[in-house]
Amino acid sequence: MYQGAFDGSGTWTQRDATSLVRQGQLLNTIAHSTMRDLVVGNYDTTLVTGNAFIYNVRTNIWTNLNPRGSKSVTAYGIWQNGRRSSDSYTIAGGFSDVKFGGLDNGYMVDFNVGTGRLRHFKGFSYNNSKRSSRISRFDGITGTSQG
């Protein structure tokens, strides 16, 4: 992770999701998106590929983002809701839903940095059809003038 000026004069620190690994060994940690003190991304282990995480840079706390019934999860985007002082964030990505043969779906979920809780997990599939769409996912999230 790089923290510092655009000219490269900052510092690089290696961050690994080792504390989230319960079985097997960590293979890699991939950060996809940041907002304020939070980083979201993925990690793989020798036993399971496609685990998602939330990492708080300020507190050095790692949170698993792997919903029940999922085979593989990605976390590609994070957005802070409301004002800069808000503890509310929305995370977007994709997951393989084992109920539908492991087909990929997009998702959005709310995360409260103060409580560490995930709420309102919602899956999305292309054309609202879980069976006919092979791959659906969100690669990021951003705000617009309308919200």
N, C-alpha and C. Protein backbone atom coordinates (compact mmCIF):
# COMPACT_ATOMS: atom_id res chain seq x y z
N MET A 1 0.84 -1.16 0.00
CA MET A 1 0.00 0.00 0.00
C MET A 1 0.89 1.23 0.00
N TYR A 2 0.58 2.18 -0.87
CA TYR A 2 1.34 3.43 -0.94
C TYR A 2 0.55 4.53 -0.25
N GLN A 3 1.20 5.30 0.61
CA GLN A 3 0.62 6.48 1.22
C GLN A 3 1.59 7.63 1.06
N GLY A 4 1.12 8.69 0.40
CA GLY A 4 2.01 9.83 0.22
C GLY A 4 1.65 10.65 -1.00
N ALA A 5 2.57 11.51 -1.35
CA ALA A 5 2.38 12.44 -2.46
C ALA A 5 2.44 11.72 -3.81
N PHE A 6 1.91 12.38 -4.84
CA PHE A 6 1.92 11.82 -6.19
C PHE A 6 3.32 11.66 -6.75
N ASP A 7 4.28 12.37 -6.21
CA ASP A 7 5.65 12.31 -6.75
C ASP A 7 6.41 11.06 -6.32
N GLY A 8 5.78 10.19 -5.52
CA GLY A 8 6.43 8.95 -5.11
C GLY A 8 7.27 9.05 -3.86
N SER A 9 7.23 10.18 -3.17
CA SER A 9 8.08 10.37 -1.99
C SER A 9 7.47 9.78 -0.72
N GLY A 10 6.31 9.13 -0.84
CA GLY A 10 5.63 8.54 0.33
C GLY A 10 6.24 7.20 0.72
N THR A 11 5.47 6.42 1.45
CA THR A 11 5.96 5.13 1.93
C THR A 11 5.10 3.98 1.40
N TRP A 12 5.76 2.85 1.17
CA TRP A 12 5.10 1.61 0.76
C TRP A 12 5.09 0.67 1.95
N THR A 13 3.94 0.04 2.20
CA THR A 13 3.82 -0.93 3.28
C THR A 13 3.09 -2.16 2.75
N GLN A 14 3.64 -3.33 3.00
CA GLN A 14 2.96 -4.55 2.58
C GLN A 14 1.81 -4.85 3.53
N ARG A 15 0.64 -5.13 2.97
CA ARG A 15 -0.54 -5.48 3.75
C ARG A 15 -1.04 -6.83 3.27
N ASP A 16 -1.19 -7.78 4.16
CA ASP A 16 -1.68 -9.11 3.82
C ASP A 16 -2.85 -9.48 4.70
N ALA A 17 -3.81 -10.19 4.14
CA ALA A 17 -5.02 -10.60 4.85
C ALA A 17 -4.80 -11.85 5.70
N THR A 18 -3.60 -12.04 6.20
CA THR A 18 -3.25 -13.23 6.97
C THR A 18 -4.17 -13.46 8.16
N SER A 19 -4.59 -12.41 8.84
CA SER A 19 -5.43 -12.58 10.03
C SER A 19 -6.82 -13.14 9.70
N LEU A 20 -7.24 -13.11 8.43
CA LEU A 20 -8.54 -13.64 8.03
C LEU A 20 -8.49 -15.13 7.69
N VAL A 21 -7.30 -15.67 7.49
CA VAL A 21 -7.15 -17.06 7.04
C VAL A 21 -7.33 -18.00 8.23
N ARG A 22 -8.34 -18.87 8.12
CA ARG A 22 -8.62 -19.85 9.19
C ARG A 22 -8.01 -21.20 8.88
N GLN A 23 -7.94 -21.57 7.60
CA GLN A 23 -7.36 -22.84 7.17
C GLN A 23 -6.55 -22.60 5.91
N GLY A 24 -5.49 -23.40 5.75
CA GLY A 24 -4.64 -23.23 4.59
C GLY A 24 -3.68 -22.07 4.77
N GLN A 25 -3.05 -21.68 3.67
CA GLN A 25 -2.10 -20.57 3.71
C GLN A 25 -2.54 -19.48 2.75
N LEU A 26 -2.23 -18.25 3.10
CA LEU A 26 -2.54 -17.11 2.25
C LEU A 26 -1.67 -17.16 1.00
N LEU A 27 -2.29 -16.98 -0.17
CA LEU A 27 -1.54 -16.94 -1.42
C LEU A 27 -1.31 -15.51 -1.89
N ASN A 28 -2.35 -14.66 -1.78
CA ASN A 28 -2.21 -13.28 -2.23
C ASN A 28 -3.28 -12.39 -1.60
N THR A 29 -3.03 -11.10 -1.62
CA THR A 29 -3.98 -10.09 -1.18
C THR A 29 -4.00 -9.01 -2.26
N ILE A 30 -5.19 -8.71 -2.78
CA ILE A 30 -5.30 -7.75 -3.88
C ILE A 30 -6.27 -6.64 -3.49
N ALA A 31 -5.76 -5.43 -3.35
CA ALA A 31 -6.61 -4.27 -3.03
C ALA A 31 -7.21 -3.74 -4.33
N HIS A 32 -8.53 -3.50 -4.32
CA HIS A 32 -9.20 -3.02 -5.53
C HIS A 32 -9.65 -1.57 -5.45
N SER A 33 -10.06 -1.10 -4.26
CA SER A 33 -10.63 0.24 -4.16
C SER A 33 -10.43 0.79 -2.75
N THR A 34 -10.32 2.10 -2.65
CA THR A 34 -10.17 2.74 -1.34
C THR A 34 -11.11 3.93 -1.23
N MET A 35 -11.49 4.24 -0.01
CA MET A 35 -12.20 5.47 0.30
C MET A 35 -11.93 5.78 1.76
N ARG A 36 -11.40 7.00 1.99
CA ARG A 36 -10.99 7.44 3.33
C ARG A 36 -10.05 6.40 3.95
N ASP A 37 -10.39 5.81 5.09
CA ASP A 37 -9.49 4.86 5.76
C ASP A 37 -9.73 3.40 5.36
N LEU A 38 -10.66 3.15 4.45
CA LEU A 38 -11.02 1.77 4.13
C LEU A 38 -10.50 1.33 2.76
N VAL A 39 -10.13 0.06 2.70
CA VAL A 39 -9.69 -0.58 1.47
C VAL A 39 -10.52 -1.85 1.31
N VAL A 40 -11.00 -2.13 0.09
CA VAL A 40 -11.68 -3.39 -0.18
C VAL A 40 -10.92 -4.13 -1.27
N GLY A 41 -11.02 -5.44 -1.23
CA GLY A 41 -10.35 -6.25 -2.23
C GLY A 41 -10.58 -7.73 -1.98
N ASN A 42 -9.62 -8.53 -2.43
CA ASN A 42 -9.74 -9.98 -2.37
C ASN A 42 -8.47 -10.62 -1.88
N TYR A 43 -8.63 -11.87 -1.40
CA TYR A 43 -7.48 -12.68 -1.06
C TYR A 43 -7.81 -14.13 -1.38
N ASP A 44 -6.78 -14.88 -1.70
CA ASP A 44 -6.91 -16.31 -1.99
C ASP A 44 -6.06 -17.09 -1.01
N THR A 45 -6.52 -18.30 -0.71
CA THR A 45 -5.74 -19.21 0.14
C THR A 45 -5.48 -20.49 -0.64
N THR A 46 -4.68 -21.37 -0.06
CA THR A 46 -4.41 -22.65 -0.71
C THR A 46 -5.67 -23.51 -0.79
N LEU A 47 -6.69 -23.22 0.01
CA LEU A 47 -7.92 -24.01 0.01
C LEU A 47 -9.08 -23.34 -0.70
N VAL A 48 -9.15 -22.02 -0.67
CA VAL A 48 -10.30 -21.30 -1.25
C VAL A 48 -9.81 -20.08 -2.02
N THR A 49 -10.29 -19.94 -3.26
CA THR A 49 -10.01 -18.72 -4.02
C THR A 49 -11.24 -17.83 -3.99
N GLY A 50 -11.04 -16.55 -4.07
CA GLY A 50 -12.16 -15.61 -4.12
C GLY A 50 -12.77 -15.29 -2.78
N ASN A 51 -11.98 -14.78 -1.86
CA ASN A 51 -12.46 -14.27 -0.58
C ASN A 51 -12.37 -12.75 -0.64
N ALA A 52 -13.36 -12.05 -0.09
CA ALA A 52 -13.34 -10.59 -0.11
C ALA A 52 -13.06 -10.04 1.29
N PHE A 53 -12.48 -8.83 1.34
CA PHE A 53 -12.14 -8.22 2.63
C PHE A 53 -12.41 -6.73 2.63
N ILE A 54 -12.51 -6.21 3.85
CA ILE A 54 -12.51 -4.77 4.12
C ILE A 54 -11.36 -4.56 5.08
N TYR A 55 -10.49 -3.60 4.78
CA TYR A 55 -9.35 -3.33 5.66
C TYR A 55 -9.41 -1.87 6.09
N ASN A 56 -9.32 -1.64 7.40
CA ASN A 56 -9.30 -0.29 7.95
C ASN A 56 -7.85 0.09 8.21
N VAL A 57 -7.32 1.02 7.44
CA VAL A 57 -5.92 1.43 7.53
C VAL A 57 -5.61 2.06 8.89
N ARG A 58 -6.54 2.86 9.39
CA ARG A 58 -6.31 3.56 10.65
C ARG A 58 -6.26 2.62 11.84
N THR A 59 -7.18 1.64 11.90
CA THR A 59 -7.25 0.74 13.06
C THR A 59 -6.54 -0.59 12.84
N ASN A 60 -6.11 -0.87 11.60
CA ASN A 60 -5.47 -2.13 11.22
C ASN A 60 -6.40 -3.33 11.46
N ILE A 61 -7.71 -3.13 11.25
CA ILE A 61 -8.70 -4.20 11.42
C ILE A 61 -9.13 -4.71 10.05
N TRP A 62 -9.09 -6.05 9.89
CA TRP A 62 -9.53 -6.74 8.69
C TRP A 62 -10.90 -7.33 8.95
N THR A 63 -11.82 -7.22 7.97
CA THR A 63 -13.16 -7.79 8.07
C THR A 63 -13.41 -8.67 6.85
N ASN A 64 -13.88 -9.91 7.08
CA ASN A 64 -14.28 -10.78 5.98
C ASN A 64 -15.56 -10.28 5.36
N LEU A 65 -15.65 -10.39 4.05
CA LEU A 65 -16.86 -10.00 3.33
C LEU A 65 -17.26 -11.20 2.46
N ASN A 66 -17.71 -12.27 3.11
CA ASN A 66 -18.06 -13.50 2.40
C ASN A 66 -19.45 -13.94 2.84
N PRO A 67 -20.49 -13.58 2.05
CA PRO A 67 -21.86 -13.93 2.47
C PRO A 67 -22.09 -15.44 2.45
N ARG A 68 -23.01 -15.88 3.30
CA ARG A 68 -23.38 -17.30 3.32
C ARG A 68 -23.93 -17.70 1.96
N GLY A 69 -23.63 -18.92 1.57
CA GLY A 69 -24.15 -19.43 0.31
C GLY A 69 -23.37 -18.96 -0.90
N SER A 70 -22.20 -18.38 -0.67
CA SER A 70 -21.38 -17.93 -1.80
C SER A 70 -20.16 -18.84 -1.93
N LYS A 71 -19.75 -19.03 -3.17
CA LYS A 71 -18.58 -19.85 -3.44
C LYS A 71 -17.34 -18.99 -3.62
N SER A 72 -17.51 -17.85 -4.25
CA SER A 72 -16.40 -16.94 -4.52
C SER A 72 -16.94 -15.51 -4.46
N VAL A 73 -16.18 -14.60 -3.85
CA VAL A 73 -16.65 -13.22 -3.67
C VAL A 73 -15.55 -12.25 -4.09
N THR A 74 -15.95 -11.15 -4.72
CA THR A 74 -15.04 -10.07 -5.05
C THR A 74 -15.56 -8.78 -4.44
N ALA A 75 -14.68 -7.91 -4.05
CA ALA A 75 -15.06 -6.57 -3.57
C ALA A 75 -14.28 -5.57 -4.43
N TYR A 76 -14.98 -4.91 -5.34
CA TYR A 76 -14.32 -4.04 -6.31
C TYR A 76 -14.47 -2.55 -6.04
N GLY A 77 -15.46 -2.15 -5.26
CA GLY A 77 -15.66 -0.72 -5.07
C GLY A 77 -16.22 -0.40 -3.69
N ILE A 78 -15.87 0.79 -3.20
CA ILE A 78 -16.38 1.25 -1.91
C ILE A 78 -16.69 2.74 -2.02
N TRP A 79 -17.79 3.17 -1.39
CA TRP A 79 -18.21 4.56 -1.43
C TRP A 79 -18.73 4.97 -0.07
N GLN A 80 -18.28 6.12 0.42
CA GLN A 80 -18.78 6.64 1.70
C GLN A 80 -20.10 7.35 1.46
N ASN A 81 -21.10 6.99 2.25
CA ASN A 81 -22.43 7.59 2.12
C ASN A 81 -22.52 8.84 2.99
N GLY A 82 -23.07 9.88 2.44
CA GLY A 82 -23.26 11.10 3.23
C GLY A 82 -22.00 11.94 3.33
N ARG A 83 -21.86 12.59 4.46
CA ARG A 83 -20.75 13.53 4.68
C ARG A 83 -19.46 12.80 5.07
N ARG A 84 -18.36 13.53 5.07
CA ARG A 84 -17.04 12.95 5.40
C ARG A 84 -17.00 12.31 6.78
N SER A 85 -17.87 12.74 7.68
CA SER A 85 -17.87 12.18 9.04
C SER A 85 -18.75 10.93 9.15
N SER A 86 -19.40 10.53 8.07
CA SER A 86 -20.31 9.39 8.10
C SER A 86 -19.56 8.08 8.31
N ASP A 87 -20.14 7.18 9.11
CA ASP A 87 -19.60 5.83 9.31
C ASP A 87 -20.18 4.84 8.30
N SER A 88 -21.07 5.30 7.43
CA SER A 88 -21.78 4.43 6.50
C SER A 88 -21.10 4.39 5.13
N TYR A 89 -20.86 3.17 4.65
CA TYR A 89 -20.24 2.94 3.34
C TYR A 89 -21.08 1.93 2.57
N THR A 90 -20.99 1.97 1.25
CA THR A 90 -21.59 0.94 0.41
C THR A 90 -20.46 0.29 -0.38
N ILE A 91 -20.49 -1.03 -0.43
CA ILE A 91 -19.47 -1.82 -1.12
C ILE A 91 -20.15 -2.55 -2.27
N ALA A 92 -19.47 -2.64 -3.40
CA ALA A 92 -20.01 -3.31 -4.59
C ALA A 92 -19.00 -4.32 -5.11
N GLY A 93 -19.52 -5.37 -5.72
CA GLY A 93 -18.65 -6.40 -6.29
C GLY A 93 -19.47 -7.50 -6.93
N GLY A 94 -18.97 -8.74 -6.82
CA GLY A 94 -19.66 -9.89 -7.39
C GLY A 94 -19.48 -11.11 -6.50
N PHE A 95 -20.39 -12.07 -6.65
CA PHE A 95 -20.30 -13.32 -5.89
C PHE A 95 -20.91 -14.45 -6.68
N SER A 96 -20.44 -15.66 -6.42
CA SER A 96 -21.00 -16.86 -7.03
C SER A 96 -22.01 -17.45 -6.06
N ASP A 97 -23.24 -17.51 -6.48
CA ASP A 97 -24.34 -17.99 -5.63
C ASP A 97 -24.51 -19.49 -5.82
N VAL A 98 -24.23 -20.29 -4.78
CA VAL A 98 -24.31 -21.75 -4.90
C VAL A 98 -25.75 -22.23 -5.12
N LYS A 99 -26.76 -21.43 -4.73
CA LYS A 99 -28.16 -21.82 -4.95
C LYS A 99 -28.49 -21.88 -6.44
N PHE A 100 -27.76 -21.14 -7.25
CA PHE A 100 -28.03 -21.09 -8.68
C PHE A 100 -26.86 -21.63 -9.49
N GLY A 101 -26.25 -22.69 -8.99
CA GLY A 101 -25.18 -23.37 -9.72
C GLY A 101 -23.88 -22.60 -9.77
N GLY A 102 -23.69 -21.64 -8.87
CA GLY A 102 -22.43 -20.89 -8.84
C GLY A 102 -22.35 -19.79 -9.87
N LEU A 103 -23.49 -19.41 -10.47
CA LEU A 103 -23.46 -18.32 -11.44
C LEU A 103 -23.13 -17.01 -10.73
N ASP A 104 -22.41 -16.14 -11.41
CA ASP A 104 -21.97 -14.89 -10.81
C ASP A 104 -23.08 -13.84 -10.81
N ASN A 105 -23.19 -13.15 -9.70
CA ASN A 105 -24.14 -12.06 -9.52
C ASN A 105 -23.41 -10.84 -8.98
N GLY A 106 -23.91 -9.66 -9.32
CA GLY A 106 -23.39 -8.46 -8.69
C GLY A 106 -24.01 -8.33 -7.31
N TYR A 107 -23.40 -7.52 -6.46
CA TYR A 107 -24.00 -7.26 -5.15
C TYR A 107 -23.64 -5.86 -4.69
N MET A 108 -24.44 -5.39 -3.74
CA MET A 108 -24.14 -4.19 -2.98
C MET A 108 -24.46 -4.52 -1.53
N VAL A 109 -23.67 -3.99 -0.62
CA VAL A 109 -23.89 -4.21 0.81
C VAL A 109 -23.45 -2.96 1.55
N ASP A 110 -24.15 -2.65 2.63
CA ASP A 110 -23.79 -1.51 3.47
C ASP A 110 -22.86 -1.98 4.58
N PHE A 111 -21.87 -1.15 4.90
CA PHE A 111 -20.92 -1.44 5.97
C PHE A 111 -20.84 -0.23 6.88
N ASN A 112 -20.96 -0.48 8.19
CA ASN A 112 -20.82 0.59 9.17
C ASN A 112 -19.45 0.45 9.82
N VAL A 113 -18.56 1.40 9.59
CA VAL A 113 -17.20 1.31 10.11
C VAL A 113 -17.17 1.41 11.63
N GLY A 114 -18.14 2.09 12.23
CA GLY A 114 -18.19 2.23 13.68
C GLY A 114 -18.52 0.93 14.39
N THR A 115 -19.46 0.17 13.83
CA THR A 115 -19.88 -1.09 14.44
C THR A 115 -19.21 -2.31 13.82
N GLY A 116 -18.68 -2.14 12.61
CA GLY A 116 -18.08 -3.27 11.90
C GLY A 116 -19.10 -4.22 11.31
N ARG A 117 -20.37 -3.78 11.23
CA ARG A 117 -21.45 -4.64 10.74
C ARG A 117 -21.75 -4.42 9.27
N LEU A 118 -22.04 -5.53 8.59
CA LEU A 118 -22.52 -5.53 7.21
C LEU A 118 -24.04 -5.68 7.25
N ARG A 119 -24.75 -4.88 6.45
CA ARG A 119 -26.21 -4.94 6.41
C ARG A 119 -26.71 -4.72 5.00
N HIS A 120 -27.90 -5.17 4.75
CA HIS A 120 -28.62 -4.94 3.50
C HIS A 120 -27.90 -5.55 2.29
N PHE A 121 -27.35 -6.75 2.43
CA PHE A 121 -26.73 -7.41 1.29
C PHE A 121 -27.80 -7.67 0.24
N LYS A 122 -27.54 -7.25 -1.01
CA LYS A 122 -28.50 -7.42 -2.10
C LYS A 122 -27.77 -7.86 -3.35
N GLY A 123 -28.18 -9.01 -3.90
CA GLY A 123 -27.62 -9.51 -5.15
C GLY A 123 -28.36 -8.98 -6.35
N PHE A 124 -27.64 -8.83 -7.47
CA PHE A 124 -28.21 -8.34 -8.72
C PHE A 124 -27.72 -9.22 -9.86
N SER A 125 -28.60 -9.50 -10.80
CA SER A 125 -28.19 -10.25 -11.99
C SER A 125 -28.66 -9.50 -13.24
N TYR A 126 -27.93 -9.69 -14.32
CA TYR A 126 -28.26 -9.01 -15.57
C TYR A 126 -29.70 -9.34 -15.97
N ASN A 127 -30.44 -8.33 -16.31
CA ASN A 127 -31.82 -8.46 -16.77
C ASN A 127 -32.71 -9.13 -15.72
N ASN A 128 -32.28 -9.07 -14.44
CA ASN A 128 -33.01 -9.66 -13.32
C ASN A 128 -33.29 -11.15 -13.50
N SER A 129 -32.40 -11.85 -14.19
CA SER A 129 -32.58 -13.27 -14.45
C SER A 129 -31.35 -14.03 -13.98
N LYS A 130 -31.45 -14.68 -12.83
CA LYS A 130 -30.30 -15.40 -12.27
C LYS A 130 -29.88 -16.58 -13.14
N ARG A 131 -30.82 -17.22 -13.80
CA ARG A 131 -30.49 -18.43 -14.56
C ARG A 131 -29.96 -18.14 -15.96
N SER A 132 -30.38 -17.05 -16.58
CA SER A 132 -29.96 -16.81 -17.96
C SER A 132 -28.69 -15.96 -18.06
N SER A 133 -28.34 -15.26 -17.00
CA SER A 133 -27.12 -14.45 -17.07
C SER A 133 -25.96 -15.23 -16.45
N ARG A 134 -24.91 -15.38 -17.20
CA ARG A 134 -23.76 -16.16 -16.71
C ARG A 134 -22.87 -15.34 -15.78
N ILE A 135 -22.66 -14.08 -16.12
CA ILE A 135 -21.78 -13.27 -15.29
C ILE A 135 -22.37 -11.88 -15.11
N SER A 136 -22.57 -11.50 -13.88
CA SER A 136 -22.98 -10.15 -13.52
C SER A 136 -22.12 -9.73 -12.34
N ARG A 137 -21.60 -8.53 -12.36
CA ARG A 137 -20.86 -8.00 -11.22
C ARG A 137 -20.71 -6.50 -11.38
N PHE A 138 -20.42 -5.85 -10.26
CA PHE A 138 -20.12 -4.43 -10.29
C PHE A 138 -18.62 -4.27 -10.13
N ASP A 139 -18.01 -3.48 -11.00
CA ASP A 139 -16.56 -3.26 -10.93
C ASP A 139 -16.19 -2.00 -10.18
N GLY A 140 -17.15 -1.27 -9.64
CA GLY A 140 -16.86 -0.08 -8.88
C GLY A 140 -18.15 0.61 -8.48
N ILE A 141 -18.00 1.71 -7.78
CA ILE A 141 -19.16 2.49 -7.34
C ILE A 141 -18.72 3.94 -7.21
N THR A 142 -19.59 4.85 -7.60
CA THR A 142 -19.25 6.26 -7.51
C THR A 142 -20.53 7.07 -7.31
N GLY A 143 -20.41 8.29 -6.92
CA GLY A 143 -21.56 9.18 -6.74
C GLY A 143 -21.78 10.04 -7.95
N THR A 144 -23.00 10.53 -8.09
CA THR A 144 -23.34 11.46 -9.15
C THR A 144 -24.03 12.67 -8.51
N SER A 145 -24.33 13.65 -9.30
CA SER A 145 -25.00 14.85 -8.76
C SER A 145 -26.39 14.51 -8.26
N GLN A 146 -26.99 13.41 -8.73
CA GLN A 146 -28.31 13.01 -8.27
C GLN A 146 -28.24 12.09 -7.04
N GLY A 147 -27.06 11.71 -6.60
CA GLY A 147 -26.94 10.84 -5.44
C GLY A 147 -26.01 9.69 -5.66
